[in-house]
């Protein structure tokens, strides 16, 4: 997979309900979105851009030497936002793989981003993502920790059968914490944005189920760590503490 074949797009908006303005929250002297951008750049898998509807976010990224693309404000999801940005960025359709990195993962390990692309070396895989084995007992039953149920497709890789907020699968054995970072084959992203929300997606409140319900294949690379997602003021303080130690 050539570097020129892939692009990393980070969707970011200011209107988060639990922590408004969080992309610009200061962490160790720079905005959170810039931390995410820098980590994505460090993965060295291709061009990195931020897709946003906020002039303030774009200005912060560009001040740090990054690239931002302005998108519409009415997108229902980050996937729709990155699709619009892709059209602006690559009208000649040279990019084959698109990595969607959430803008609230300031502690993301660049190696995990690289791992997310690996399953796409199999042409049968439409979308790839990552997960880590759950180590804390309380996370096994926490509905905010999304689990992926899958069958091994290669060493360290699963073919996803289902994603759920429930404790699954039942019985002895490992459970896997799904990490919401996706690598799309371009054709898969183009198809995804044309699909309407599916019944299981609406029930579980998990967008990736729309892909499975449409018959698309998602493979999962198993990684060692879960990045801290910043959704609350408490998460923000935890991120500040973690990055202050580096």
C-alpha atoms as a PDB file:
ATOM      1  CA  UNK A   1       0.000   0.000   0.000  1.00  0.00           C
ATOM      2  CA  UNK A   2       1.705   3.190  -1.172  1.00  0.00           C
ATOM      3  CA  UNK A   3       1.601   6.290   1.012  1.00  0.00           C
ATOM      4  CA  UNK A   4       0.076   8.236  -1.889  1.00  0.00           C
ATOM      5  CA  UNK A   5      -2.850   5.795  -1.896  1.00  0.00           C
ATOM      6  CA  UNK A   6      -4.079   6.858   1.562  1.00  0.00           C
ATOM      7  CA  UNK A   7      -5.288  10.018   3.250  1.00  0.00           C
ATOM      8  CA  UNK A   8      -6.137  10.631   6.899  1.00  0.00           C
ATOM      9  CA  UNK A   9      -9.123  12.913   7.500  1.00  0.00           C
ATOM     10  CA  UNK A  10     -10.015  14.161  10.977  1.00  0.00           C
ATOM     11  CA  UNK A  11     -13.604  15.452  11.261  1.00  0.00           C
ATOM     12  CA  UNK A  12     -14.015  18.145  13.902  1.00  0.00           C
ATOM     13  CA  UNK A  13     -16.846  20.427  14.985  1.00  0.00           C
ATOM     14  CA  UNK A  14     -17.473  22.768  17.886  1.00  0.00           C
ATOM     15  CA  UNK A  15     -21.001  21.636  18.785  1.00  0.00           C
ATOM     16  CA  UNK A  16     -20.284  18.706  21.120  1.00  0.00           C
ATOM     17  CA  UNK A  17     -23.095  18.579  23.676  1.00  0.00           C
ATOM     18  CA  UNK A  18     -21.129  17.345  26.703  1.00  0.00           C
ATOM     19  CA  UNK A  19     -18.003  19.445  26.129  1.00  0.00           C
ATOM     20  CA  UNK A  20     -18.695  22.351  23.752  1.00  0.00           C
ATOM     21  CA  UNK A  21     -15.663  23.699  21.939  1.00  0.00           C
ATOM     22  CA  UNK A  22     -13.548  20.682  22.854  1.00  0.00           C
ATOM     23  CA  UNK A  23     -11.382  20.639  19.674  1.00  0.00           C
ATOM     24  CA  UNK A  24      -9.815  23.898  20.865  1.00  0.00           C
ATOM     25  CA  UNK A  25      -9.430  22.852  24.519  1.00  0.00           C
ATOM     26  CA  UNK A  26      -5.870  23.484  25.664  1.00  0.00           C
ATOM     27  CA  UNK A  27      -3.825  20.385  26.475  1.00  0.00           C
ATOM     28  CA  UNK A  28      -0.167  20.870  27.375  1.00  0.00           C
ATOM     29  CA  UNK A  29      -0.027  24.186  25.565  1.00  0.00           C
ATOM     30  CA  UNK A  30      -1.805  23.399  22.306  1.00  0.00           C
ATOM     31  CA  UNK A  31      -5.373  22.721  21.144  1.00  0.00           C
ATOM     32  CA  UNK A  32      -6.605  19.140  21.310  1.00  0.00           C
ATOM     33  CA  UNK A  33      -7.222  19.014  17.559  1.00  0.00           C
ATOM     34  CA  UNK A  34      -3.560  19.862  16.962  1.00  0.00           C
ATOM     35  CA  UNK A  35      -2.465  16.972  19.209  1.00  0.00           C
ATOM     36  CA  UNK A  36      -4.618  14.622  17.116  1.00  0.00           C
ATOM     37  CA  UNK A  37      -3.282  16.093  13.876  1.00  0.00           C
ATOM     38  CA  UNK A  38       0.328  15.705  15.032  1.00  0.00           C
ATOM     39  CA  UNK A  39      -0.199  12.078  16.025  1.00  0.00           C
ATOM     40  CA  UNK A  40      -1.836  11.292  12.714  1.00  0.00           C
ATOM     41  CA  UNK A  41       1.094  12.881  10.900  1.00  0.00           C
ATOM     42  CA  UNK A  42       3.492  10.785  12.979  1.00  0.00           C
ATOM     43  CA  UNK A  43       1.854   7.615  11.651  1.00  0.00           C
ATOM     44  CA  UNK A  44       3.305   8.482   8.228  1.00  0.00           C
ATOM     45  CA  UNK A  45       0.589   6.758   6.206  1.00  0.00           C
ATOM     46  CA  UNK A  46      -0.320   9.668   3.934  1.00  0.00           C
ATOM     47  CA  UNK A  47      -1.588  13.234   3.802  1.00  0.00           C
ATOM     48  CA  UNK A  48      -3.448  14.432   6.918  1.00  0.00           C
ATOM     49  CA  UNK A  49      -6.219  17.033   6.854  1.00  0.00           C
ATOM     50  CA  UNK A  50      -8.852  18.291   9.291  1.00  0.00           C
ATOM     51  CA  UNK A  51     -12.411  18.543   7.948  1.00  0.00           C
ATOM     52  CA  UNK A  52     -14.454  21.127   9.825  1.00  0.00           C
ATOM     53  CA  UNK A  53     -17.286  23.624   9.612  1.00  0.00           C
ATOM     54  CA  UNK A  54     -15.577  25.934  12.115  1.00  0.00           C
ATOM     55  CA  UNK A  55     -13.333  28.813  11.047  1.00  0.00           C
ATOM     56  CA  UNK A  56     -11.781  28.769  14.526  1.00  0.00           C
ATOM     57  CA  UNK A  57     -10.784  25.104  14.247  1.00  0.00           C
ATOM     58  CA  UNK A  58      -9.395  25.637  10.756  1.00  0.00           C
ATOM     59  CA  UNK A  59      -7.392  28.635  11.955  1.00  0.00           C
ATOM     60  CA  UNK A  60      -5.917  26.680  14.882  1.00  0.00           C
ATOM     61  CA  UNK A  61      -4.845  23.825  12.612  1.00  0.00           C
ATOM     62  CA  UNK A  62      -3.336  26.141  10.025  1.00  0.00           C
ATOM     63  CA  UNK A  63      -1.519  28.175  12.691  1.00  0.00           C
ATOM     64  CA  UNK A  64       0.160  24.923  13.767  1.00  0.00           C
ATOM     65  CA  UNK A  65       1.253  24.265  10.174  1.00  0.00           C
ATOM     66  CA  UNK A  66      -1.517  21.811   9.335  1.00  0.00           C
ATOM     67  CA  UNK A  67      -4.124  21.659   6.599  1.00  0.00           C
ATOM     68  CA  UNK A  68      -7.852  22.162   7.101  1.00  0.00           C
ATOM     69  CA  UNK A  69     -10.764  21.861   4.668  1.00  0.00           C
ATOM     70  CA  UNK A  70     -14.023  23.707   5.282  1.00  0.00           C
ATOM     71  CA  UNK A  71     -17.160  21.579   4.985  1.00  0.00           C
ATOM     72  CA  UNK A  72     -20.902  22.101   5.372  1.00  0.00           C
ATOM     73  CA  UNK A  73     -22.382  22.433   8.850  1.00  0.00           C
ATOM     74  CA  UNK A  74     -25.346  20.097   8.296  1.00  0.00           C
ATOM     75  CA  UNK A  75     -23.604  16.715   8.059  1.00  0.00           C
ATOM     76  CA  UNK A  76     -25.323  14.010  10.148  1.00  0.00           C
ATOM     77  CA  UNK A  77     -22.064  12.179  10.856  1.00  0.00           C
ATOM     78  CA  UNK A  78     -18.303  12.416  10.698  1.00  0.00           C
ATOM     79  CA  UNK A  79     -18.335   9.929   7.831  1.00  0.00           C
ATOM     80  CA  UNK A  80     -20.422  12.301   5.731  1.00  0.00           C
ATOM     81  CA  UNK A  81     -18.064  15.150   6.607  1.00  0.00           C
ATOM     82  CA  UNK A  82     -14.957  13.239   5.542  1.00  0.00           C
ATOM     83  CA  UNK A  83     -16.661  12.240   2.294  1.00  0.00           C
ATOM     84  CA  UNK A  84     -17.290  15.881   1.412  1.00  0.00           C
ATOM     85  CA  UNK A  85     -13.700  16.748   2.339  1.00  0.00           C
ATOM     86  CA  UNK A  86     -12.400  13.909   0.175  1.00  0.00           C
ATOM     87  CA  UNK A  87     -14.213  15.357  -2.827  1.00  0.00           C
ATOM     88  CA  UNK A  88     -12.525  18.729  -2.304  1.00  0.00           C
ATOM     89  CA  UNK A  89      -9.138  17.165  -1.607  1.00  0.00           C
ATOM     90  CA  UNK A  90      -9.036  14.558  -4.360  1.00  0.00           C
ATOM     91  CA  UNK A  91     -11.384  15.376  -7.265  1.00  0.00           C
ATOM     92  CA  UNK A  92      -9.240  13.207  -9.560  1.00  0.00           C
ATOM     93  CA  UNK A  93      -9.985  10.175  -7.359  1.00  0.00           C
ATOM     94  CA  UNK A  94      -6.383   9.069  -6.884  1.00  0.00           C
ATOM     95  CA  UNK A  95      -6.832   8.236  -3.196  1.00  0.00           C
ATOM     96  CA  UNK A  96      -7.812   4.597  -2.602  1.00  0.00           C
ATOM     97  CA  UNK A  97      -7.973   4.444   1.203  1.00  0.00           C
ATOM     98  CA  UNK A  98      -9.421   6.944   3.682  1.00  0.00           C
ATOM     99  CA  UNK A  99      -8.695   6.831   7.403  1.00  0.00           C
ATOM    100  CA  UNK A 100     -11.279   8.511   9.633  1.00  0.00           C
ATOM    101  CA  UNK A 101      -9.663   9.598  12.910  1.00  0.00           C
ATOM    102  CA  UNK A 102     -11.894  11.149  15.559  1.00  0.00           C
ATOM    103  CA  UNK A 103     -10.756  14.608  16.605  1.00  0.00           C
ATOM    104  CA  UNK A 104     -11.045  13.816  20.326  1.00  0.00           C
ATOM    105  CA  UNK A 105      -8.244  11.218  20.604  1.00  0.00           C
ATOM    106  CA  UNK A 106      -5.235  13.285  21.751  1.00  0.00           C
ATOM    107  CA  UNK A 107      -3.388  10.249  23.138  1.00  0.00           C
ATOM    108  CA  UNK A 108      -3.739   8.147  19.970  1.00  0.00           C
ATOM    109  CA  UNK A 109      -0.747   5.890  19.345  1.00  0.00           C
ATOM    110  CA  UNK A 110       0.400   6.436  15.724  1.00  0.00           C
ATOM    111  CA  UNK A 111       1.113   2.691  15.500  1.00  0.00           C
ATOM    112  CA  UNK A 112      -2.586   2.025  16.055  1.00  0.00           C
ATOM    113  CA  UNK A 113      -3.466   4.217  13.091  1.00  0.00           C
ATOM    114  CA  UNK A 114      -1.072   2.221  10.927  1.00  0.00           C
ATOM    115  CA  UNK A 115      -2.601  -1.007  12.244  1.00  0.00           C
ATOM    116  CA  UNK A 116      -6.057   0.120  11.097  1.00  0.00           C
ATOM    117  CA  UNK A 117      -4.944   0.095   7.469  1.00  0.00           C
ATOM    118  CA  UNK A 118      -3.398  -3.363   7.544  1.00  0.00           C
ATOM    119  CA  UNK A 119      -6.586  -5.447   6.987  1.00  0.00           C
ATOM    120  CA  UNK A 120      -7.250  -3.580   3.725  1.00  0.00           C
ATOM    121  CA  UNK A 121      -4.365  -5.493   2.153  1.00  0.00           C
ATOM    122  CA  UNK A 122      -7.028  -8.212   1.717  1.00  0.00           C
ATOM    123  CA  UNK A 123      -9.181  -7.125  -1.252  1.00  0.00           C
ATOM    124  CA  UNK A 124     -12.224  -8.820   0.307  1.00  0.00           C
ATOM    125  CA  UNK A 125     -12.228  -6.314   3.198  1.00  0.00           C
ATOM    126  CA  UNK A 126     -14.335  -3.175   2.712  1.00  0.00           C
ATOM    127  CA  UNK A 127     -13.579  -1.359   5.974  1.00  0.00           C
ATOM    128  CA  UNK A 128     -10.970  -1.882   8.675  1.00  0.00           C
ATOM    129  CA  UNK A 129     -10.862  -0.774  12.295  1.00  0.00           C
ATOM    130  CA  UNK A 130      -9.087  -1.606  15.562  1.00  0.00           C
ATOM    131  CA  UNK A 131      -9.875  -3.050  18.986  1.00  0.00           C
ATOM    132  CA  UNK A 132      -8.037  -3.960  22.188  1.00  0.00           C
ATOM    133  CA  UNK A 133      -8.676  -6.774  24.630  1.00  0.00           C
ATOM    134  CA  UNK A 134     -10.664  -5.631  27.669  1.00  0.00           C
ATOM    135  CA  UNK A 135      -8.538  -5.942  30.822  1.00  0.00           C
ATOM    136  CA  UNK A 136     -10.721  -4.188  33.409  1.00  0.00           C
ATOM    137  CA  UNK A 137     -13.618  -6.334  34.656  1.00  0.00           C
ATOM    138  CA  UNK A 138     -15.983  -3.362  34.967  1.00  0.00           C
ATOM    139  CA  UNK A 139     -15.582  -2.562  31.276  1.00  0.00           C
ATOM    140  CA  UNK A 140     -17.049  -5.927  30.295  1.00  0.00           C
ATOM    141  CA  UNK A 141     -20.506  -4.742  31.365  1.00  0.00           C
ATOM    142  CA  UNK A 142     -20.155  -1.019  30.651  1.00  0.00           C
ATOM    143  CA  UNK A 143     -22.492  -0.046  27.752  1.00  0.00           C
ATOM    144  CA  UNK A 144     -20.205   2.874  26.901  1.00  0.00           C
ATOM    145  CA  UNK A 145     -17.463   0.373  26.060  1.00  0.00           C
ATOM    146  CA  UNK A 146     -18.466  -0.968  22.645  1.00  0.00           C
ATOM    147  CA  UNK A 147     -17.568  -4.615  22.071  1.00  0.00           C
ATOM    148  CA  UNK A 148     -16.754  -6.225  18.757  1.00  0.00           C
ATOM    149  CA  UNK A 149     -17.669  -9.867  18.236  1.00  0.00           C
ATOM    150  CA  UNK A 150     -15.611 -11.496  15.526  1.00  0.00           C
ATOM    151  CA  UNK A 151     -13.930 -14.571  14.168  1.00  0.00           C
ATOM    152  CA  UNK A 152     -10.214 -14.743  13.441  1.00  0.00           C
ATOM    153  CA  UNK A 153      -9.424 -13.929   9.803  1.00  0.00           C
ATOM    154  CA  UNK A 154      -5.622 -13.809  10.232  1.00  0.00           C
ATOM    155  CA  UNK A 155      -3.204 -13.689  13.189  1.00  0.00           C
ATOM    156  CA  UNK A 156      -4.155 -10.585  15.206  1.00  0.00           C
ATOM    157  CA  UNK A 157      -7.131  -9.817  12.966  1.00  0.00           C
ATOM    158  CA  UNK A 158     -10.841 -10.499  13.364  1.00  0.00           C
ATOM    159  CA  UNK A 159     -13.629 -10.453  10.832  1.00  0.00           C
ATOM    160  CA  UNK A 160     -16.375  -8.491  12.576  1.00  0.00           C
ATOM    161  CA  UNK A 161     -19.668 -10.315  13.002  1.00  0.00           C
ATOM    162  CA  UNK A 162     -21.338  -7.743  15.271  1.00  0.00           C
ATOM    163  CA  UNK A 163     -20.754  -4.647  17.409  1.00  0.00           C
ATOM    164  CA  UNK A 164     -22.696  -4.181  20.627  1.00  0.00           C
ATOM    165  CA  UNK A 165     -22.949  -2.275  23.882  1.00  0.00           C
ATOM    166  CA  UNK A 166     -23.914  -5.511  25.617  1.00  0.00           C
ATOM    167  CA  UNK A 167     -21.481  -7.975  27.198  1.00  0.00           C
ATOM    168  CA  UNK A 168     -20.697 -10.266  24.277  1.00  0.00           C
ATOM    169  CA  UNK A 169     -19.905 -12.921  23.386  1.00  0.00           C
ATOM    170  CA  UNK A 170     -21.225 -14.931  26.327  1.00  0.00           C
ATOM    171  CA  UNK A 171     -19.005 -17.410  28.147  1.00  0.00           C
ATOM    172  CA  UNK A 172     -15.319 -17.694  28.901  1.00  0.00           C
ATOM    173  CA  UNK A 173     -12.761 -15.959  26.737  1.00  0.00           C
ATOM    174  CA  UNK A 174     -11.575 -12.484  25.806  1.00  0.00           C
ATOM    175  CA  UNK A 175     -13.817  -9.523  25.028  1.00  0.00           C
ATOM    176  CA  UNK A 176     -12.633  -6.765  22.715  1.00  0.00           C
ATOM    177  CA  UNK A 177     -13.101  -3.018  23.153  1.00  0.00           C
ATOM    178  CA  UNK A 178     -13.807  -1.449  19.771  1.00  0.00           C
ATOM    179  CA  UNK A 179     -11.890   1.756  19.058  1.00  0.00           C
ATOM    180  CA  UNK A 180     -13.743   4.104  16.703  1.00  0.00           C
ATOM    181  CA  UNK A 181     -11.044   4.646  14.101  1.00  0.00           C
ATOM    182  CA  UNK A 182     -11.881   3.451  10.576  1.00  0.00           C
ATOM    183  CA  UNK A 183      -9.987   2.862   7.338  1.00  0.00           C
ATOM    184  CA  UNK A 184     -12.306   2.741   4.326  1.00  0.00           C
ATOM    185  CA  UNK A 185     -11.736   1.475   0.843  1.00  0.00           C
ATOM    186  CA  UNK A 186     -12.936   4.415  -1.254  1.00  0.00           C
ATOM    187  CA  UNK A 187     -15.767   2.413  -2.809  1.00  0.00           C
ATOM    188  CA  UNK A 188     -16.969   1.422   0.666  1.00  0.00           C
ATOM    189  CA  UNK A 189     -17.102   5.021   1.896  1.00  0.00           C
ATOM    190  CA  UNK A 190     -18.955   6.064  -1.250  1.00  0.00           C
ATOM    191  CA  UNK A 191     -21.521   3.346  -0.666  1.00  0.00           C
ATOM    192  CA  UNK A 192     -21.825   3.996   3.050  1.00  0.00           C
ATOM    193  CA  UNK A 193     -22.861   7.633   2.677  1.00  0.00           C
ATOM    194  CA  UNK A 194     -25.739   6.611   0.377  1.00  0.00           C
ATOM    195  CA  UNK A 195     -27.242   4.177   2.917  1.00  0.00           C
ATOM    196  CA  UNK A 196     -30.016   5.119   5.304  1.00  0.00           C
ATOM    197  CA  UNK A 197     -29.628   4.342   9.036  1.00  0.00           C
ATOM    198  CA  UNK A 198     -30.302   0.658   9.633  1.00  0.00           C
ATOM    199  CA  UNK A 199     -32.499  -0.970  12.308  1.00  0.00           C
ATOM    200  CA  UNK A 200     -29.675  -2.396  14.436  1.00  0.00           C
ATOM    201  CA  UNK A 201     -27.678   0.811  14.072  1.00  0.00           C
ATOM    202  CA  UNK A 202     -30.604   2.769  15.473  1.00  0.00           C
ATOM    203  CA  UNK A 203     -31.173   0.260  18.263  1.00  0.00           C
ATOM    204  CA  UNK A 204     -27.543   0.052  19.421  1.00  0.00           C
ATOM    205  CA  UNK A 205     -26.663   3.653  18.449  1.00  0.00           C
ATOM    206  CA  UNK A 206     -23.642   2.310  16.542  1.00  0.00           C
ATOM    207  CA  UNK A 207     -23.115   3.635  13.016  1.00  0.00           C
ATOM    208  CA  UNK A 208     -20.821   0.773  11.958  1.00  0.00           C
ATOM    209  CA  UNK A 209     -23.736  -1.668  12.115  1.00  0.00           C
ATOM    210  CA  UNK A 210     -25.112   0.020   8.996  1.00  0.00           C
ATOM    211  CA  UNK A 211     -22.152  -1.401   7.101  1.00  0.00           C
ATOM    212  CA  UNK A 212     -22.661  -4.933   8.407  1.00  0.00           C
ATOM    213  CA  UNK A 213     -26.403  -4.836   7.772  1.00  0.00           C
ATOM    214  CA  UNK A 214     -25.667  -3.821   4.182  1.00  0.00           C
ATOM    215  CA  UNK A 215     -23.471  -6.895   3.766  1.00  0.00           C
ATOM    216  CA  UNK A 216     -20.130  -5.104   3.846  1.00  0.00           C
ATOM    217  CA  UNK A 217     -17.083  -6.707   5.447  1.00  0.00           C
ATOM    218  CA  UNK A 218     -15.304  -5.068   8.393  1.00  0.00           C
ATOM    219  CA  UNK A 219     -12.034  -6.536   9.665  1.00  0.00           C
ATOM    220  CA  UNK A 220     -10.467  -5.587  12.979  1.00  0.00           C
ATOM    221  CA  UNK A 221      -6.781  -5.348  13.889  1.00  0.00           C
ATOM    222  CA  UNK A 222      -6.090  -6.111  17.549  1.00  0.00           C
ATOM    223  CA  UNK A 223      -3.873  -3.489  19.213  1.00  0.00           C
ATOM    224  CA  UNK A 224      -2.402  -3.150  22.683  1.00  0.00           C
ATOM    225  CA  UNK A 225      -3.881   0.128  23.917  1.00  0.00           C
ATOM    226  CA  UNK A 226      -7.081   2.173  23.881  1.00  0.00           C
ATOM    227  CA  UNK A 227      -6.616   5.919  23.332  1.00  0.00           C
ATOM    228  CA  UNK A 228      -8.390   8.254  25.720  1.00  0.00           C
ATOM    229  CA  UNK A 229     -11.498   9.713  24.101  1.00  0.00           C
ATOM    230  CA  UNK A 230     -12.303  13.186  25.424  1.00  0.00           C
ATOM    231  CA  UNK A 231     -16.071  13.563  25.892  1.00  0.00           C
ATOM    232  CA  UNK A 232     -16.387  15.158  29.346  1.00  0.00           C
ATOM    233  CA  UNK A 233     -14.530  17.694  31.519  1.00  0.00           C
ATOM    234  CA  UNK A 234     -13.165  14.728  33.497  1.00  0.00           C
ATOM    235  CA  UNK A 235     -11.783  13.165  30.321  1.00  0.00           C
ATOM    236  CA  UNK A 236     -10.144  16.466  29.434  1.00  0.00           C
ATOM    237  CA  UNK A 237      -8.377  16.623  32.790  1.00  0.00           C
ATOM    238  CA  UNK A 238      -7.224  13.028  32.355  1.00  0.00           C
ATOM    239  CA  UNK A 239      -5.803  13.868  28.932  1.00  0.00           C
ATOM    240  CA  UNK A 240      -4.020  16.900  30.349  1.00  0.00           C
ATOM    241  CA  UNK A 241      -2.502  14.762  33.081  1.00  0.00           C
ATOM    242  CA  UNK A 242      -1.427  12.052  30.615  1.00  0.00           C
ATOM    243  CA  UNK A 243       0.191  14.436  28.151  1.00  0.00           C
ATOM    244  CA  UNK A 244       1.819  16.545  30.867  1.00  0.00           C
ATOM    245  CA  UNK A 245       3.865  13.476  31.786  1.00  0.00           C
ATOM    246  CA  UNK A 246       5.317  13.162  28.265  1.00  0.00           C
END
